[in-house]
Amino acid sequence: MAPVIRITMYVVALLIGIALIVSGIATGKHGATVIGLVCAAASIRQWIKWNKHRDGTNKDRTSR
């Protein structure tokens, strides 16, 4: 996948997660807050993993 598309997808997922967190807090619906946290955390984790892989410093045990 092209790097620009990958970064765009991560940013969109992160923004959706942040929007769910904020709207869940504002409306008092805790389910939206939890889903937003999961979405944002998954996006950030994938972004960090991709950056490590791109830099050649991937020391993840699963990539043997």
N, C-alpha and C. Protein backbone atom coordinates (compact mmCIF):
# COMPACT_ATOMS: atom_id res chain seq x y z
N MET A 1 0.85 -1.17 0.00
CA MET A 1 0.00 0.00 0.00
C MET A 1 0.90 1.24 0.00
N ALA A 2 0.48 2.24 -0.70
CA ALA A 2 1.26 3.48 -0.80
C ALA A 2 1.34 4.17 0.57
N PRO A 3 2.49 4.72 0.89
CA PRO A 3 2.65 5.36 2.21
C PRO A 3 1.65 6.48 2.47
N VAL A 4 1.31 7.25 1.45
CA VAL A 4 0.37 8.36 1.65
C VAL A 4 -1.01 7.82 2.03
N ILE A 5 -1.43 6.76 1.37
CA ILE A 5 -2.73 6.16 1.67
C ILE A 5 -2.72 5.56 3.07
N ARG A 6 -1.63 4.90 3.42
CA ARG A 6 -1.52 4.27 4.75
C ARG A 6 -1.59 5.33 5.85
N ILE A 7 -0.84 6.40 5.70
CA ILE A 7 -0.86 7.47 6.70
C ILE A 7 -2.24 8.11 6.79
N THR A 8 -2.88 8.31 5.64
CA THR A 8 -4.23 8.88 5.62
C THR A 8 -5.21 7.99 6.37
N MET A 9 -5.11 6.68 6.17
CA MET A 9 -6.00 5.75 6.86
C MET A 9 -5.78 5.80 8.37
N TYR A 10 -4.52 5.87 8.81
CA TYR A 10 -4.24 5.95 10.24
C TYR A 10 -4.78 7.23 10.85
N VAL A 11 -4.61 8.34 10.13
CA VAL A 11 -5.10 9.62 10.64
C VAL A 11 -6.62 9.63 10.71
N VAL A 12 -7.28 9.09 9.68
CA VAL A 12 -8.75 9.04 9.69
C VAL A 12 -9.25 8.18 10.84
N ALA A 13 -8.63 7.02 11.05
CA ALA A 13 -9.04 6.15 12.16
C ALA A 13 -8.80 6.84 13.50
N LEU A 14 -7.69 7.55 13.62
CA LEU A 14 -7.41 8.27 14.86
C LEU A 14 -8.44 9.37 15.10
N LEU A 15 -8.78 10.12 14.06
CA LEU A 15 -9.78 11.19 14.20
C LEU A 15 -11.16 10.64 14.54
N ILE A 16 -11.52 9.51 13.94
CA ILE A 16 -12.81 8.88 14.29
C ILE A 16 -12.80 8.47 15.75
N GLY A 17 -11.69 7.90 16.20
CA GLY A 17 -11.58 7.51 17.61
C GLY A 17 -11.70 8.69 18.54
N ILE A 18 -11.02 9.77 18.22
CA ILE A 18 -11.09 10.98 19.06
C ILE A 18 -12.49 11.56 19.05
N ALA A 19 -13.14 11.56 17.88
CA ALA A 19 -14.52 12.08 17.80
C ALA A 19 -15.46 11.23 18.64
N LEU A 20 -15.28 9.91 18.63
CA LEU A 20 -16.12 9.04 19.46
C LEU A 20 -15.88 9.28 20.94
N ILE A 21 -14.63 9.48 21.31
CA ILE A 21 -14.31 9.75 22.72
C ILE A 21 -14.99 11.04 23.18
N VAL A 22 -14.83 12.09 22.40
CA VAL A 22 -15.39 13.40 22.78
C VAL A 22 -16.92 13.34 22.80
N SER A 23 -17.51 12.75 21.76
CA SER A 23 -18.98 12.69 21.73
C SER A 23 -19.53 11.77 22.81
N GLY A 24 -18.82 10.70 23.12
CA GLY A 24 -19.26 9.82 24.20
C GLY A 24 -19.23 10.50 25.55
N ILE A 25 -18.21 11.31 25.78
CA ILE A 25 -18.13 12.06 27.04
C ILE A 25 -19.21 13.14 27.09
N ALA A 26 -19.41 13.83 25.97
CA ALA A 26 -20.37 14.93 25.94
C ALA A 26 -21.80 14.44 26.12
N THR A 27 -22.14 13.30 25.55
CA THR A 27 -23.51 12.80 25.63
C THR A 27 -23.72 11.84 26.79
N GLY A 28 -22.65 11.42 27.44
CA GLY A 28 -22.78 10.50 28.57
C GLY A 28 -22.96 9.06 28.15
N LYS A 29 -22.63 8.74 26.91
CA LYS A 29 -22.74 7.36 26.43
C LYS A 29 -21.35 6.72 26.50
N HIS A 30 -21.17 5.90 27.49
CA HIS A 30 -19.85 5.36 27.76
C HIS A 30 -19.41 4.33 26.72
N GLY A 31 -20.35 3.72 26.02
CA GLY A 31 -20.00 2.77 24.97
C GLY A 31 -19.23 3.44 23.84
N ALA A 32 -19.65 4.62 23.47
CA ALA A 32 -18.95 5.37 22.41
C ALA A 32 -17.55 5.75 22.86
N THR A 33 -17.40 6.07 24.14
CA THR A 33 -16.08 6.42 24.66
C THR A 33 -15.14 5.22 24.60
N VAL A 34 -15.63 4.06 24.99
CA VAL A 34 -14.80 2.85 24.98
C VAL A 34 -14.42 2.47 23.56
N ILE A 35 -15.37 2.51 22.65
CA ILE A 35 -15.07 2.18 21.25
C ILE A 35 -14.10 3.19 20.66
N GLY A 36 -14.23 4.46 21.01
CA GLY A 36 -13.30 5.48 20.55
C GLY A 36 -11.90 5.24 21.07
N LEU A 37 -11.77 4.83 22.33
CA LEU A 37 -10.45 4.52 22.88
C LEU A 37 -9.81 3.35 22.16
N VAL A 38 -10.59 2.32 21.88
CA VAL A 38 -10.07 1.15 21.17
C VAL A 38 -9.64 1.54 19.76
N CYS A 39 -10.45 2.32 19.08
CA CYS A 39 -10.15 2.73 17.71
C CYS A 39 -8.89 3.59 17.67
N ALA A 40 -8.78 4.54 18.56
CA ALA A 40 -7.61 5.42 18.60
C ALA A 40 -6.35 4.64 18.97
N ALA A 41 -6.47 3.74 19.94
CA ALA A 41 -5.30 2.96 20.36
C ALA A 41 -4.82 2.04 19.24
N ALA A 42 -5.74 1.41 18.54
CA ALA A 42 -5.35 0.54 17.43
C ALA A 42 -4.68 1.32 16.32
N SER A 43 -5.18 2.50 16.03
CA SER A 43 -4.59 3.33 15.00
C SER A 43 -3.18 3.77 15.37
N ILE A 44 -2.99 4.19 16.60
CA ILE A 44 -1.68 4.63 17.05
C ILE A 44 -0.70 3.46 17.07
N ARG A 45 -1.16 2.30 17.51
CA ARG A 45 -0.28 1.13 17.53
C ARG A 45 0.19 0.76 16.14
N GLN A 46 -0.73 0.76 15.18
CA GLN A 46 -0.34 0.42 13.81
C GLN A 46 0.59 1.47 13.22
N TRP A 47 0.36 2.72 13.54
CA TRP A 47 1.22 3.80 13.04
C TRP A 47 2.65 3.63 13.57
N ILE A 48 2.77 3.35 14.88
CA ILE A 48 4.09 3.15 15.48
C ILE A 48 4.77 1.93 14.88
N LYS A 49 4.02 0.85 14.71
CA LYS A 49 4.59 -0.37 14.14
C LYS A 49 5.06 -0.12 12.71
N TRP A 50 4.28 0.62 11.93
CA TRP A 50 4.66 0.91 10.55
C TRP A 50 5.91 1.79 10.50
N ASN A 51 5.99 2.78 11.40
CA ASN A 51 7.16 3.66 11.44
C ASN A 51 8.42 2.88 11.82
N LYS A 52 8.32 1.95 12.76
CA LYS A 52 9.47 1.13 13.12
C LYS A 52 9.89 0.25 11.95
N HIS A 53 8.92 -0.32 11.28
CA HIS A 53 9.21 -1.18 10.13
C HIS A 53 9.85 -0.38 9.00
N ARG A 54 9.36 0.81 8.78
CA ARG A 54 9.88 1.67 7.72
C ARG A 54 11.31 2.10 8.02
N ASP A 55 11.60 2.37 9.29
CA ASP A 55 12.94 2.79 9.69
C ASP A 55 13.92 1.63 9.78
N GLY A 56 13.41 0.41 9.73
CA GLY A 56 14.27 -0.75 9.84
C GLY A 56 14.64 -1.11 11.27
N THR A 57 13.90 -0.60 12.24
CA THR A 57 14.18 -0.88 13.65
C THR A 57 13.09 -1.73 14.26
N ASN A 58 12.46 -2.59 13.48
CA ASN A 58 11.38 -3.43 13.98
C ASN A 58 11.96 -4.55 14.81
N LYS A 59 11.78 -4.49 16.11
CA LYS A 59 12.29 -5.50 17.00
C LYS A 59 11.15 -6.32 17.61
N ASP A 60 10.08 -6.42 16.88
CA ASP A 60 8.91 -7.17 17.34
C ASP A 60 9.22 -8.65 17.29
N ARG A 61 8.85 -9.39 18.32
CA ARG A 61 9.14 -10.82 18.38
C ARG A 61 8.37 -11.63 17.36
N THR A 62 7.24 -11.12 16.92
CA THR A 62 6.41 -11.89 15.99
C THR A 62 6.95 -11.86 14.56
N SER A 63 7.90 -11.01 14.27
CA SER A 63 8.41 -10.90 12.90
C SER A 63 9.75 -11.61 12.75
N ARG A 64 9.74 -12.89 13.02
CA ARG A 64 10.98 -13.67 12.94
C ARG A 64 11.29 -14.07 11.54
